[in-house]
């Protein structure tokens, strides 16, 4: 059987940023492909912003059936106002209203810089039972120059028209009284309509600085 040889110069191996190579039926046999199941969709950076909102179809945001799981990552969120809560809400009308009915629960671990307050607590005061207001990630966020908040939120199958929409969050927050709070929340948006927008804000004042990245997780 004869071998067919190709000149290496006949292959275009130039890839896009953060992409790998995969075989296909094209003339040169290659295409770019994602090398991971987690795909960065959109990055929003705050600068004295009232909120950061991800709306499907706006500014290249994807929040539909493309991915079964979406992940938001919060990086050094800094409030303009001291002693505030970091919160989220969602929309089924492309961001016209952020007031979906939800139920959630919260617990936390905390420890102060002085070595005290080493406790684990169930925070009943921040539970929501079929409420439409914003859901808190954490509370008592400090706004000292060196204080910030980081964490993440998973939103599961937001485009489903059959099931409610579950979310899970974990946040590491610099408390305004100089201790760390590690806060966990879980809940669901009680709607069978597709969620197409998610908004993040503080309970008072602007988001002075910080970055939120939205990822889609495929084949989950």
N, C-alpha and C. Protein backbone atom coordinates (compact mmCIF):
# COMPACT_ATOMS: atom_id res chain seq x y z
N UNK A 1 0.84 -1.19 0.00
CA UNK A 1 0.00 0.00 0.00
C UNK A 1 0.88 1.24 0.00
N UNK A 2 0.58 2.16 -0.89
CA UNK A 2 1.40 3.37 -0.99
C UNK A 2 1.06 4.34 0.13
N UNK A 3 2.10 5.03 0.60
CA UNK A 3 1.91 6.05 1.62
C UNK A 3 1.77 7.41 0.96
N UNK A 4 0.84 8.20 1.43
CA UNK A 4 0.70 9.58 0.95
C UNK A 4 1.39 10.49 1.94
N UNK A 5 2.32 11.30 1.43
CA UNK A 5 3.08 12.20 2.29
C UNK A 5 2.63 13.64 2.05
N UNK A 6 2.53 14.41 3.14
CA UNK A 6 2.14 15.81 3.05
C UNK A 6 3.29 16.69 3.51
N UNK A 7 3.45 17.80 2.82
CA UNK A 7 4.42 18.79 3.26
C UNK A 7 3.89 19.48 4.51
N UNK A 8 4.74 19.61 5.54
CA UNK A 8 4.26 20.20 6.78
C UNK A 8 3.77 21.63 6.57
N UNK A 9 4.27 22.31 5.53
CA UNK A 9 3.83 23.67 5.26
C UNK A 9 2.38 23.74 4.75
N UNK A 10 1.80 22.58 4.40
CA UNK A 10 0.44 22.59 3.90
C UNK A 10 -0.60 22.60 5.01
N UNK A 11 -0.16 22.46 6.27
CA UNK A 11 -1.07 22.46 7.40
C UNK A 11 -1.07 23.82 8.08
N UNK A 12 -2.26 24.36 8.29
CA UNK A 12 -2.41 25.60 9.05
C UNK A 12 -2.70 25.24 10.50
N UNK A 13 -1.69 25.36 11.36
CA UNK A 13 -1.83 24.96 12.76
C UNK A 13 -2.01 26.15 13.68
N UNK A 14 -2.36 27.30 13.12
CA UNK A 14 -2.58 28.49 13.94
C UNK A 14 -3.87 28.33 14.73
N UNK A 15 -3.79 28.47 16.06
CA UNK A 15 -4.97 28.28 16.90
C UNK A 15 -5.41 29.60 17.49
N UNK A 16 -6.63 29.65 17.90
CA UNK A 16 -7.15 30.83 18.58
C UNK A 16 -6.72 30.80 20.04
N UNK A 17 -6.82 31.97 20.70
CA UNK A 17 -6.44 32.04 22.10
C UNK A 17 -7.26 31.06 22.92
N UNK A 18 -6.58 30.35 23.84
CA UNK A 18 -7.21 29.39 24.76
C UNK A 18 -7.91 28.25 24.03
N UNK A 19 -7.48 27.94 22.81
CA UNK A 19 -8.08 26.84 22.05
C UNK A 19 -7.03 25.78 21.76
N UNK A 20 -7.51 24.57 21.49
CA UNK A 20 -6.64 23.48 21.09
C UNK A 20 -6.93 23.09 19.65
N UNK A 21 -6.38 21.97 19.22
CA UNK A 21 -6.60 21.47 17.86
C UNK A 21 -7.40 20.18 17.90
N UNK A 22 -8.28 20.01 16.93
CA UNK A 22 -9.04 18.78 16.78
C UNK A 22 -9.08 18.42 15.30
N UNK A 23 -9.26 17.13 15.00
CA UNK A 23 -9.34 16.68 13.62
C UNK A 23 -10.76 16.87 13.08
N UNK A 24 -10.85 17.18 11.79
CA UNK A 24 -12.15 17.22 11.11
C UNK A 24 -11.95 16.85 9.65
N UNK A 25 -12.98 17.10 8.83
CA UNK A 25 -12.93 16.68 7.42
C UNK A 25 -12.50 17.79 6.48
N UNK A 26 -11.99 18.88 7.02
CA UNK A 26 -11.52 19.98 6.17
C UNK A 26 -10.27 19.56 5.39
N UNK A 27 -9.88 20.42 4.46
CA UNK A 27 -8.74 20.10 3.60
C UNK A 27 -7.46 19.86 4.39
N UNK A 28 -7.25 20.67 5.44
CA UNK A 28 -6.02 20.47 6.22
C UNK A 28 -6.25 19.56 7.42
N UNK A 29 -7.50 19.16 7.65
CA UNK A 29 -7.77 18.14 8.66
C UNK A 29 -7.87 18.63 10.07
N UNK A 30 -7.79 19.94 10.33
CA UNK A 30 -7.79 20.45 11.70
C UNK A 30 -8.83 21.54 11.89
N UNK A 31 -9.24 21.72 13.13
CA UNK A 31 -10.04 22.86 13.53
C UNK A 31 -9.68 23.23 14.96
N UNK A 32 -10.00 24.45 15.36
CA UNK A 32 -9.77 24.83 16.75
C UNK A 32 -10.89 24.27 17.61
N UNK A 33 -10.56 23.92 18.83
CA UNK A 33 -11.56 23.39 19.75
C UNK A 33 -11.20 23.78 21.16
N UNK A 34 -12.19 23.82 22.01
CA UNK A 34 -11.95 24.13 23.41
C UNK A 34 -11.25 22.95 24.07
N UNK A 35 -10.22 23.25 24.84
CA UNK A 35 -9.46 22.19 25.50
C UNK A 35 -10.01 21.87 26.87
N UNK A 36 -11.11 22.50 27.26
CA UNK A 36 -11.67 22.27 28.57
C UNK A 36 -13.18 22.32 28.47
N UNK A 37 -13.85 21.75 29.47
CA UNK A 37 -15.30 21.77 29.48
C UNK A 37 -15.84 23.08 30.04
N UNK A 38 -14.97 23.93 30.61
CA UNK A 38 -15.39 25.21 31.17
C UNK A 38 -14.96 26.32 30.22
N UNK A 39 -15.94 27.05 29.70
CA UNK A 39 -15.69 28.06 28.67
C UNK A 39 -16.01 29.44 29.23
N UNK A 40 -15.02 30.34 29.15
CA UNK A 40 -15.25 31.72 29.59
C UNK A 40 -16.18 32.42 28.59
N UNK A 41 -17.29 32.96 29.11
CA UNK A 41 -18.28 33.64 28.27
C UNK A 41 -18.11 35.15 28.32
N UNK A 42 -18.02 35.70 29.53
CA UNK A 42 -18.02 37.15 29.66
C UNK A 42 -17.34 37.56 30.96
N UNK A 43 -16.59 38.67 30.90
CA UNK A 43 -15.98 39.28 32.08
C UNK A 43 -16.52 40.69 32.24
N UNK A 44 -17.03 40.99 33.44
CA UNK A 44 -17.47 42.35 33.75
C UNK A 44 -16.62 42.88 34.90
N UNK A 45 -16.16 44.12 34.76
CA UNK A 45 -15.32 44.75 35.77
C UNK A 45 -16.02 46.00 36.28
N UNK A 46 -16.15 46.09 37.60
CA UNK A 46 -16.85 47.21 38.21
C UNK A 46 -15.92 48.41 38.36
N UNK A 47 -16.49 49.59 38.24
CA UNK A 47 -15.82 50.85 38.54
C UNK A 47 -16.88 51.83 39.00
N UNK A 48 -17.10 51.84 40.31
CA UNK A 48 -18.19 52.63 40.90
C UNK A 48 -19.51 52.30 40.20
N UNK A 49 -19.80 51.01 40.08
CA UNK A 49 -20.98 50.54 39.33
C UNK A 49 -22.12 50.24 40.29
N UNK A 50 -23.34 50.63 39.91
CA UNK A 50 -24.51 50.34 40.73
C UNK A 50 -24.74 48.84 40.82
N UNK A 51 -24.44 48.10 39.75
CA UNK A 51 -24.59 46.65 39.72
C UNK A 51 -23.78 46.10 38.56
N UNK A 52 -23.63 44.80 38.52
CA UNK A 52 -23.08 44.10 37.37
C UNK A 52 -24.13 43.09 36.95
N UNK A 53 -24.59 43.20 35.70
CA UNK A 53 -25.70 42.38 35.21
C UNK A 53 -25.30 41.62 33.96
N UNK A 54 -25.62 40.32 33.94
CA UNK A 54 -25.37 39.47 32.79
C UNK A 54 -26.72 39.17 32.15
N UNK A 55 -26.94 39.69 30.95
CA UNK A 55 -28.22 39.55 30.25
C UNK A 55 -27.98 38.79 28.95
N UNK A 56 -28.68 37.68 28.79
CA UNK A 56 -28.51 36.86 27.60
C UNK A 56 -28.76 37.68 26.33
N UNK A 57 -27.83 37.56 25.37
CA UNK A 57 -27.96 38.25 24.09
C UNK A 57 -27.45 39.67 24.10
N UNK A 58 -27.00 40.15 25.27
CA UNK A 58 -26.48 41.51 25.37
C UNK A 58 -24.98 41.46 25.61
N UNK A 59 -24.23 42.17 24.79
CA UNK A 59 -22.76 42.26 24.93
C UNK A 59 -22.11 40.89 24.98
N UNK A 60 -22.55 40.00 24.09
CA UNK A 60 -21.97 38.65 23.92
C UNK A 60 -22.24 37.72 25.09
N UNK A 61 -23.18 38.04 25.96
CA UNK A 61 -23.52 37.16 27.07
C UNK A 61 -24.37 36.00 26.56
N UNK A 62 -24.02 34.79 26.97
CA UNK A 62 -24.80 33.59 26.67
C UNK A 62 -25.34 33.06 27.99
N UNK A 63 -26.66 32.92 28.10
CA UNK A 63 -27.29 32.38 29.30
C UNK A 63 -28.57 31.68 28.86
N UNK A 64 -28.38 30.53 28.19
CA UNK A 64 -29.51 29.79 27.64
C UNK A 64 -29.21 28.31 27.68
N UNK A 65 -29.77 27.54 26.77
CA UNK A 65 -29.59 26.08 26.79
C UNK A 65 -28.25 25.64 26.23
N UNK A 66 -27.39 26.57 25.86
CA UNK A 66 -26.07 26.20 25.34
C UNK A 66 -25.30 25.37 26.36
N UNK A 67 -25.41 25.73 27.64
CA UNK A 67 -24.72 25.01 28.71
C UNK A 67 -25.72 24.60 29.78
N UNK A 68 -25.56 23.41 30.36
CA UNK A 68 -26.46 22.98 31.44
C UNK A 68 -26.12 23.60 32.80
N UNK A 69 -24.88 24.08 32.93
CA UNK A 69 -24.44 24.68 34.19
C UNK A 69 -23.68 25.96 33.87
N UNK A 70 -23.96 27.02 34.63
CA UNK A 70 -23.23 28.28 34.51
C UNK A 70 -22.55 28.59 35.83
N UNK A 71 -21.35 29.14 35.75
CA UNK A 71 -20.55 29.45 36.92
C UNK A 71 -20.12 30.92 36.89
N UNK A 72 -20.44 31.64 37.96
CA UNK A 72 -19.99 33.02 38.14
C UNK A 72 -18.87 33.04 39.17
N UNK A 73 -17.76 33.68 38.83
CA UNK A 73 -16.64 33.81 39.77
C UNK A 73 -16.47 35.28 40.15
N UNK A 74 -16.42 35.55 41.45
CA UNK A 74 -16.26 36.90 41.98
C UNK A 74 -14.83 37.09 42.46
N UNK A 75 -14.18 38.13 41.97
CA UNK A 75 -12.76 38.34 42.25
C UNK A 75 -12.57 39.73 42.85
N UNK A 76 -12.22 39.76 44.13
CA UNK A 76 -11.92 41.02 44.84
C UNK A 76 -13.01 42.07 44.66
N UNK A 77 -14.23 41.70 45.01
CA UNK A 77 -15.34 42.65 44.98
C UNK A 77 -15.20 43.60 46.17
N UNK A 78 -15.15 44.89 45.88
CA UNK A 78 -14.93 45.91 46.92
C UNK A 78 -16.11 46.88 46.94
N UNK A 79 -16.83 46.96 48.07
CA UNK A 79 -17.98 47.87 48.13
C UNK A 79 -17.55 49.31 48.39
N UNK A 80 -18.33 50.25 47.87
CA UNK A 80 -18.07 51.65 48.15
C UNK A 80 -18.51 52.03 49.56
N UNK A 81 -19.46 51.26 50.12
CA UNK A 81 -20.04 51.55 51.43
C UNK A 81 -19.67 50.45 52.42
N UNK A 82 -19.40 50.82 53.65
CA UNK A 82 -19.04 49.85 54.69
C UNK A 82 -20.27 49.13 55.23
N UNK A 83 -20.06 47.88 55.69
CA UNK A 83 -21.09 47.10 56.38
C UNK A 83 -22.32 46.88 55.50
N UNK A 84 -22.11 46.31 54.33
CA UNK A 84 -23.20 46.05 53.39
C UNK A 84 -23.23 44.56 53.03
N UNK A 85 -24.29 44.15 52.34
CA UNK A 85 -24.48 42.77 51.92
C UNK A 85 -24.26 42.65 50.41
N UNK A 86 -23.60 41.57 49.99
CA UNK A 86 -23.46 41.27 48.56
C UNK A 86 -24.59 40.33 48.18
N UNK A 87 -25.29 40.61 47.06
CA UNK A 87 -26.55 39.93 46.78
C UNK A 87 -26.71 39.62 45.29
N UNK A 88 -27.70 38.78 45.00
CA UNK A 88 -28.03 38.48 43.60
C UNK A 88 -29.54 38.34 43.44
N UNK A 89 -29.98 38.53 42.21
CA UNK A 89 -31.36 38.26 41.81
C UNK A 89 -31.35 37.94 40.33
N UNK A 90 -32.44 37.37 39.83
CA UNK A 90 -32.49 36.96 38.42
C UNK A 90 -33.78 37.42 37.77
N UNK A 91 -33.82 37.23 36.45
CA UNK A 91 -34.91 37.76 35.63
C UNK A 91 -35.31 36.74 34.58
N UNK A 92 -36.59 36.76 34.22
CA UNK A 92 -37.08 35.96 33.09
C UNK A 92 -37.53 36.85 31.94
N UNK A 93 -37.27 38.16 32.05
CA UNK A 93 -37.69 39.09 31.00
C UNK A 93 -36.53 39.97 30.54
N UNK A 94 -35.37 39.34 30.39
CA UNK A 94 -34.17 40.01 29.85
C UNK A 94 -33.76 41.22 30.68
N UNK A 95 -33.95 41.13 31.99
CA UNK A 95 -33.46 42.17 32.88
C UNK A 95 -34.41 43.33 33.11
N UNK A 96 -35.63 43.26 32.62
CA UNK A 96 -36.59 44.33 32.90
C UNK A 96 -36.97 44.33 34.38
N UNK A 97 -37.03 43.14 34.98
CA UNK A 97 -37.35 43.01 36.40
C UNK A 97 -36.47 41.93 37.02
N UNK A 98 -35.85 42.25 38.14
CA UNK A 98 -35.08 41.27 38.91
C UNK A 98 -35.83 41.03 40.22
N UNK A 99 -36.82 40.13 40.17
CA UNK A 99 -37.69 39.93 41.32
C UNK A 99 -38.27 38.52 41.37
N UNK A 100 -37.48 37.52 41.03
CA UNK A 100 -37.99 36.16 40.99
C UNK A 100 -38.20 35.60 42.40
N UNK A 101 -39.23 34.80 42.55
CA UNK A 101 -39.50 34.13 43.82
C UNK A 101 -38.43 33.07 44.08
N UNK A 102 -37.92 33.06 45.29
CA UNK A 102 -36.83 32.13 45.63
C UNK A 102 -36.91 31.67 47.07
N UNK A 103 -36.30 30.53 47.34
CA UNK A 103 -36.13 30.00 48.70
C UNK A 103 -34.68 29.59 48.85
N UNK A 104 -34.05 30.00 49.97
CA UNK A 104 -32.65 29.63 50.17
C UNK A 104 -32.32 29.47 51.65
N UNK A 105 -31.11 29.00 51.91
CA UNK A 105 -30.63 28.83 53.28
C UNK A 105 -29.14 29.15 53.31
N UNK A 106 -28.62 29.54 54.50
CA UNK A 106 -27.24 30.01 54.61
C UNK A 106 -26.59 29.52 55.90
N UNK A 107 -25.30 29.12 55.80
CA UNK A 107 -24.50 28.90 57.01
C UNK A 107 -23.10 29.44 56.78
N UNK A 108 -22.35 29.61 57.86
CA UNK A 108 -21.04 30.26 57.73
C UNK A 108 -20.07 29.75 58.79
N UNK A 109 -18.79 29.91 58.48
CA UNK A 109 -17.72 29.80 59.47
C UNK A 109 -17.03 31.14 59.55
N UNK A 110 -16.55 31.50 60.73
CA UNK A 110 -15.89 32.80 60.86
C UNK A 110 -14.76 32.73 61.88
N UNK A 111 -13.79 33.67 61.72
CA UNK A 111 -12.64 33.73 62.62
C UNK A 111 -12.04 35.12 62.52
N UNK A 112 -11.76 35.73 63.66
CA UNK A 112 -11.28 37.11 63.66
C UNK A 112 -9.76 37.17 63.55
N UNK A 113 -9.26 38.35 63.17
CA UNK A 113 -7.81 38.56 63.10
C UNK A 113 -7.16 38.43 64.47
N UNK A 114 -7.91 38.69 65.52
CA UNK A 114 -7.37 38.61 66.89
C UNK A 114 -7.35 37.19 67.42
N UNK A 115 -7.95 36.25 66.67
CA UNK A 115 -7.97 34.85 67.09
C UNK A 115 -9.27 34.42 67.72
N UNK A 116 -10.21 35.34 67.92
CA UNK A 116 -11.50 34.99 68.50
C UNK A 116 -12.55 34.72 67.45
N UNK A 117 -13.79 34.56 67.94
CA UNK A 117 -14.96 34.36 67.07
C UNK A 117 -14.81 33.17 66.13
N UNK A 118 -14.16 32.12 66.58
CA UNK A 118 -14.04 30.92 65.76
C UNK A 118 -15.30 30.08 65.89
N UNK A 119 -16.29 30.35 65.03
CA UNK A 119 -17.59 29.69 65.16
C UNK A 119 -18.12 29.22 63.81
N UNK A 120 -19.07 28.30 63.90
CA UNK A 120 -19.81 27.82 62.74
C UNK A 120 -21.29 28.05 63.03
N UNK A 121 -21.98 28.79 62.15
CA UNK A 121 -23.34 29.23 62.45
C UNK A 121 -24.29 28.97 61.29
N UNK A 122 -25.53 28.64 61.65
CA UNK A 122 -26.63 28.62 60.69
C UNK A 122 -27.31 29.98 60.78
N UNK A 123 -27.34 30.73 59.69
CA UNK A 123 -27.79 32.12 59.70
C UNK A 123 -29.27 32.18 59.29
N UNK A 124 -30.15 31.95 60.26
CA UNK A 124 -31.58 31.92 59.95
C UNK A 124 -32.09 33.28 59.48
N UNK A 125 -31.46 34.36 59.94
CA UNK A 125 -31.93 35.70 59.59
C UNK A 125 -31.77 36.05 58.13
N UNK A 126 -30.96 35.28 57.40
CA UNK A 126 -30.77 35.56 55.98
C UNK A 126 -31.40 34.49 55.09
N UNK A 127 -32.17 33.59 55.70
CA UNK A 127 -32.98 32.66 54.90
C UNK A 127 -34.07 33.43 54.16
N UNK A 128 -34.47 32.91 53.03
CA UNK A 128 -35.62 33.45 52.29
C UNK A 128 -36.61 32.31 52.07
N UNK A 129 -37.89 32.57 52.34
CA UNK A 129 -38.94 31.59 52.11
C UNK A 129 -39.94 32.19 51.12
N UNK A 130 -39.78 31.84 49.86
CA UNK A 130 -40.66 32.31 48.80
C UNK A 130 -40.72 33.83 48.73
N UNK A 131 -39.54 34.45 48.82
CA UNK A 131 -39.44 35.90 48.71
C UNK A 131 -38.96 36.32 47.34
N UNK A 132 -39.21 37.56 46.99
CA UNK A 132 -38.80 38.08 45.68
C UNK A 132 -37.62 39.04 45.78
N UNK A 133 -37.19 39.35 47.01
CA UNK A 133 -36.07 40.26 47.19
C UNK A 133 -34.74 39.61 46.84
N UNK A 134 -33.67 40.39 46.90
CA UNK A 134 -32.34 39.88 46.58
C UNK A 134 -31.90 38.82 47.58
N UNK A 135 -31.20 37.80 47.09
CA UNK A 135 -30.65 36.75 47.95
C UNK A 135 -29.22 37.12 48.31
N UNK A 136 -28.90 37.05 49.60
CA UNK A 136 -27.57 37.44 50.08
C UNK A 136 -26.57 36.31 49.92
N UNK A 137 -25.36 36.68 49.49
CA UNK A 137 -24.23 35.75 49.52
C UNK A 137 -23.59 35.75 50.91
N UNK A 138 -23.52 36.94 51.48
CA UNK A 138 -22.88 37.15 52.78
C UNK A 138 -23.32 38.53 53.27
N UNK A 139 -22.75 38.96 54.40
CA UNK A 139 -23.17 40.23 54.97
C UNK A 139 -22.01 40.86 55.74
N UNK A 140 -22.21 42.12 56.20
CA UNK A 140 -21.18 42.87 56.92
C UNK A 140 -19.88 42.98 56.12
N UNK A 141 -20.00 43.25 54.83
CA UNK A 141 -18.82 43.39 53.99
C UNK A 141 -18.09 44.70 54.33
N UNK A 142 -16.79 44.60 54.54
CA UNK A 142 -16.00 45.77 54.86
C UNK A 142 -15.51 46.49 53.62
N UNK A 143 -15.30 47.81 53.77
CA UNK A 143 -14.79 48.57 52.62
C UNK A 143 -13.47 49.27 52.92
N UNK A 144 -12.70 48.74 53.90
CA UNK A 144 -11.34 49.23 54.06
C UNK A 144 -10.59 49.03 52.74
N UNK A 145 -9.53 49.79 52.54
CA UNK A 145 -8.79 49.71 51.27
C UNK A 145 -8.30 48.30 50.95
N UNK A 146 -8.01 47.51 52.00
CA UNK A 146 -7.48 46.17 51.76
C UNK A 146 -8.53 45.08 51.90
N UNK A 147 -9.80 45.43 52.07
CA UNK A 147 -10.86 44.44 52.25
C UNK A 147 -11.61 44.20 50.95
N UNK A 148 -11.99 42.94 50.73
CA UNK A 148 -12.75 42.59 49.53
C UNK A 148 -13.46 41.26 49.76
N UNK A 149 -14.13 40.81 48.72
CA UNK A 149 -14.88 39.56 48.75
C UNK A 149 -14.57 38.78 47.48
N UNK A 150 -14.41 37.45 47.63
CA UNK A 150 -14.21 36.59 46.46
C UNK A 150 -15.01 35.31 46.67
N UNK A 151 -15.40 34.69 45.57
CA UNK A 151 -16.18 33.45 45.68
C UNK A 151 -16.74 33.04 44.35
N UNK A 152 -17.81 32.21 44.41
CA UNK A 152 -18.40 31.71 43.18
C UNK A 152 -19.85 31.29 43.40
N UNK A 153 -20.57 31.23 42.29
CA UNK A 153 -21.97 30.81 42.29
C UNK A 153 -22.24 29.92 41.09
N UNK A 154 -22.83 28.75 41.34
CA UNK A 154 -23.28 27.86 40.28
C UNK A 154 -24.78 28.06 40.07
N UNK A 155 -25.19 28.17 38.81
CA UNK A 155 -26.60 28.23 38.44
C UNK A 155 -26.88 27.07 37.49
N UNK A 156 -27.84 26.21 37.86
CA UNK A 156 -28.06 24.97 37.14
C UNK A 156 -29.26 25.07 36.19
N UNK A 157 -29.01 24.75 34.93
CA UNK A 157 -30.03 24.62 33.90
C UNK A 157 -31.03 25.78 33.90
N UNK A 158 -30.56 27.00 33.73
CA UNK A 158 -31.45 28.16 33.81
C UNK A 158 -32.49 28.22 32.69
N UNK A 159 -32.29 27.48 31.61
CA UNK A 159 -33.23 27.53 30.49
C UNK A 159 -34.35 26.50 30.61
N UNK A 160 -34.34 25.69 31.66
CA UNK A 160 -35.37 24.66 31.81
C UNK A 160 -36.76 25.29 31.92
N UNK A 161 -37.72 24.72 31.22
CA UNK A 161 -39.12 25.14 31.37
C UNK A 161 -39.92 24.06 32.10
N UNK A 162 -39.19 23.13 32.75
CA UNK A 162 -39.83 22.05 33.51
C UNK A 162 -39.56 22.17 35.00
N UNK A 163 -38.30 22.50 35.36
CA UNK A 163 -37.89 22.46 36.76
C UNK A 163 -37.57 23.85 37.30
N UNK A 164 -37.55 23.97 38.65
CA UNK A 164 -37.03 25.17 39.29
C UNK A 164 -35.54 25.26 39.03
N UNK A 165 -34.93 26.41 39.35
CA UNK A 165 -33.52 26.67 39.01
C UNK A 165 -32.68 26.73 40.28
N UNK A 166 -31.88 25.71 40.51
CA UNK A 166 -31.07 25.63 41.73
C UNK A 166 -29.79 26.47 41.60
N UNK A 167 -29.34 27.00 42.74
CA UNK A 167 -28.06 27.69 42.79
C UNK A 167 -27.31 27.30 44.07
N UNK A 168 -25.98 27.32 43.97
CA UNK A 168 -25.08 27.05 45.09
C UNK A 168 -24.02 28.13 45.11
N UNK A 169 -23.69 28.68 46.28
CA UNK A 169 -22.67 29.71 46.35
C UNK A 169 -21.73 29.47 47.52
N UNK A 170 -20.51 29.92 47.36
CA UNK A 170 -19.54 29.96 48.47
C UNK A 170 -18.75 31.26 48.31
N UNK A 171 -18.60 31.99 49.43
CA UNK A 171 -17.97 33.30 49.40
C UNK A 171 -17.03 33.44 50.58
N UNK A 172 -15.87 34.01 50.33
CA UNK A 172 -14.91 34.39 51.36
C UNK A 172 -14.94 35.91 51.46
N UNK A 173 -15.34 36.42 52.63
CA UNK A 173 -15.60 37.85 52.78
C UNK A 173 -14.82 38.44 53.94
N UNK A 174 -14.21 39.61 53.71
CA UNK A 174 -13.56 40.36 54.78
C UNK A 174 -14.63 41.16 55.52
N UNK A 175 -14.93 40.75 56.74
CA UNK A 175 -15.95 41.41 57.57
C UNK A 175 -15.48 42.81 57.95
N UNK A 176 -16.44 43.72 58.15
CA UNK A 176 -16.05 45.10 58.45
C UNK A 176 -15.43 45.24 59.83
N UNK A 177 -15.55 44.21 60.68
CA UNK A 177 -14.91 44.24 62.00
C UNK A 177 -13.64 43.39 62.04
N UNK A 178 -13.05 43.19 60.88
CA UNK A 178 -11.73 42.55 60.76
C UNK A 178 -11.72 41.08 61.15
N UNK A 179 -12.65 40.34 60.56
CA UNK A 179 -12.50 38.89 60.58
C UNK A 179 -13.04 38.30 59.28
N UNK A 180 -12.70 37.04 59.06
CA UNK A 180 -13.06 36.37 57.81
C UNK A 180 -14.37 35.62 57.99
N UNK A 181 -15.23 35.73 56.99
CA UNK A 181 -16.46 34.95 56.96
C UNK A 181 -16.43 34.06 55.72
N UNK A 182 -16.61 32.77 55.92
CA UNK A 182 -16.72 31.82 54.82
C UNK A 182 -18.18 31.37 54.78
N UNK A 183 -18.93 31.86 53.79
CA UNK A 183 -20.38 31.74 53.79
C UNK A 183 -20.86 30.85 52.64
N UNK A 184 -21.77 29.95 52.97
CA UNK A 184 -22.34 29.02 52.00
C UNK A 184 -23.85 29.24 51.91
N UNK A 185 -24.36 29.35 50.69
CA UNK A 185 -25.80 29.42 50.50
C UNK A 185 -26.23 28.43 49.42
N UNK A 186 -27.46 27.98 49.54
CA UNK A 186 -28.05 27.10 48.54
C UNK A 186 -29.53 27.45 48.45
N UNK A 187 -30.09 27.32 47.26
CA UNK A 187 -31.50 27.63 47.12
C UNK A 187 -31.97 27.37 45.71
N UNK A 188 -33.19 27.84 45.44
CA UNK A 188 -33.72 27.72 44.10
C UNK A 188 -34.62 28.90 43.77
N UNK A 189 -34.57 29.30 42.51
CA UNK A 189 -35.54 30.24 41.97
C UNK A 189 -36.79 29.42 41.62
N UNK A 190 -37.91 29.77 42.22
CA UNK A 190 -39.11 28.96 42.07
C UNK A 190 -39.89 29.39 40.82
N UNK A 191 -39.31 29.08 39.67
CA UNK A 191 -39.94 29.39 38.39
C UNK A 191 -39.62 28.30 37.39
N UNK A 192 -40.58 28.01 36.52
CA UNK A 192 -40.33 27.09 35.41
C UNK A 192 -40.16 27.86 34.10
N UNK A 193 -40.09 29.17 34.19
CA UNK A 193 -39.72 29.99 33.03
C UNK A 193 -38.20 30.03 32.92
N UNK A 194 -37.68 30.26 31.73
CA UNK A 194 -36.23 30.29 31.57
C UNK A 194 -35.65 31.58 32.13
N UNK A 195 -34.61 31.45 32.92
CA UNK A 195 -33.87 32.61 33.45
C UNK A 195 -32.90 33.09 32.38
N UNK A 196 -32.97 34.38 32.04
CA UNK A 196 -32.11 34.90 30.98
C UNK A 196 -31.28 36.10 31.43
N UNK A 197 -31.27 36.40 32.73
CA UNK A 197 -30.45 37.50 33.22
C UNK A 197 -30.21 37.32 34.72
N UNK A 198 -28.99 37.65 35.15
CA UNK A 198 -28.62 37.57 36.57
C UNK A 198 -27.91 38.87 36.93
N UNK A 199 -28.28 39.44 38.08
CA UNK A 199 -27.71 40.71 38.51
C UNK A 199 -27.07 40.58 39.89
N UNK A 200 -25.93 41.27 40.06
CA UNK A 200 -25.20 41.27 41.32
C UNK A 200 -25.06 42.71 41.81
N UNK A 201 -25.26 42.91 43.11
CA UNK A 201 -25.25 44.25 43.66
C UNK A 201 -24.96 44.21 45.15
N UNK A 202 -24.66 45.36 45.73
CA UNK A 202 -24.58 45.49 47.19
C UNK A 202 -25.89 46.08 47.70
N UNK A 203 -26.17 45.88 48.98
CA UNK A 203 -27.42 46.34 49.57
C UNK A 203 -27.49 47.85 49.64
N UNK A 204 -26.35 48.53 49.62
CA UNK A 204 -26.30 49.98 49.64
C UNK A 204 -25.02 50.44 48.97
N UNK A 205 -25.10 51.52 48.21
CA UNK A 205 -23.90 52.05 47.56
C UNK A 205 -23.50 51.23 46.35
N UNK A 206 -22.44 51.69 45.69
CA UNK A 206 -21.97 51.07 44.46
C UNK A 206 -21.00 49.93 44.71
N UNK A 207 -20.75 49.18 43.63
CA UNK A 207 -19.61 48.25 43.61
C UNK A 207 -18.40 49.08 43.20
N UNK A 208 -17.54 49.38 44.16
CA UNK A 208 -16.41 50.28 43.89
C UNK A 208 -15.44 49.66 42.88
N UNK A 209 -15.15 48.38 43.05
CA UNK A 209 -14.21 47.68 42.16
C UNK A 209 -14.47 46.19 42.27
N UNK A 210 -13.89 45.44 41.33
CA UNK A 210 -14.04 43.99 41.35
C UNK A 210 -14.39 43.45 39.98
N UNK A 211 -14.22 42.14 39.82
CA UNK A 211 -14.44 41.47 38.55
C UNK A 211 -15.34 40.27 38.75
N UNK A 212 -16.30 40.09 37.84
CA UNK A 212 -17.11 38.87 37.82
C UNK A 212 -16.94 38.22 36.46
N UNK A 213 -16.61 36.93 36.46
CA UNK A 213 -16.45 36.17 35.24
C UNK A 213 -17.57 35.14 35.14
N UNK A 214 -18.17 35.04 33.96
CA UNK A 214 -19.21 34.05 33.69
C UNK A 214 -18.65 32.95 32.82
N UNK A 215 -18.80 31.70 33.27
CA UNK A 215 -18.35 30.53 32.52
C UNK A 215 -19.54 29.63 32.21
N UNK A 216 -19.49 28.95 31.07
CA UNK A 216 -20.41 27.88 30.76
C UNK A 216 -19.69 26.55 30.92
N UNK A 217 -20.36 25.59 31.52
CA UNK A 217 -19.76 24.26 31.74
C UNK A 217 -20.54 23.27 30.88
N UNK A 218 -19.85 22.65 29.90
CA UNK A 218 -20.52 21.76 28.98
C UNK A 218 -20.50 20.32 29.45
N UNK A 219 -21.40 19.53 28.86
CA UNK A 219 -21.43 18.08 29.07
C UNK A 219 -21.50 17.73 30.55
N UNK A 220 -22.27 18.47 31.32
CA UNK A 220 -22.37 18.22 32.74
C UNK A 220 -23.64 17.44 33.05
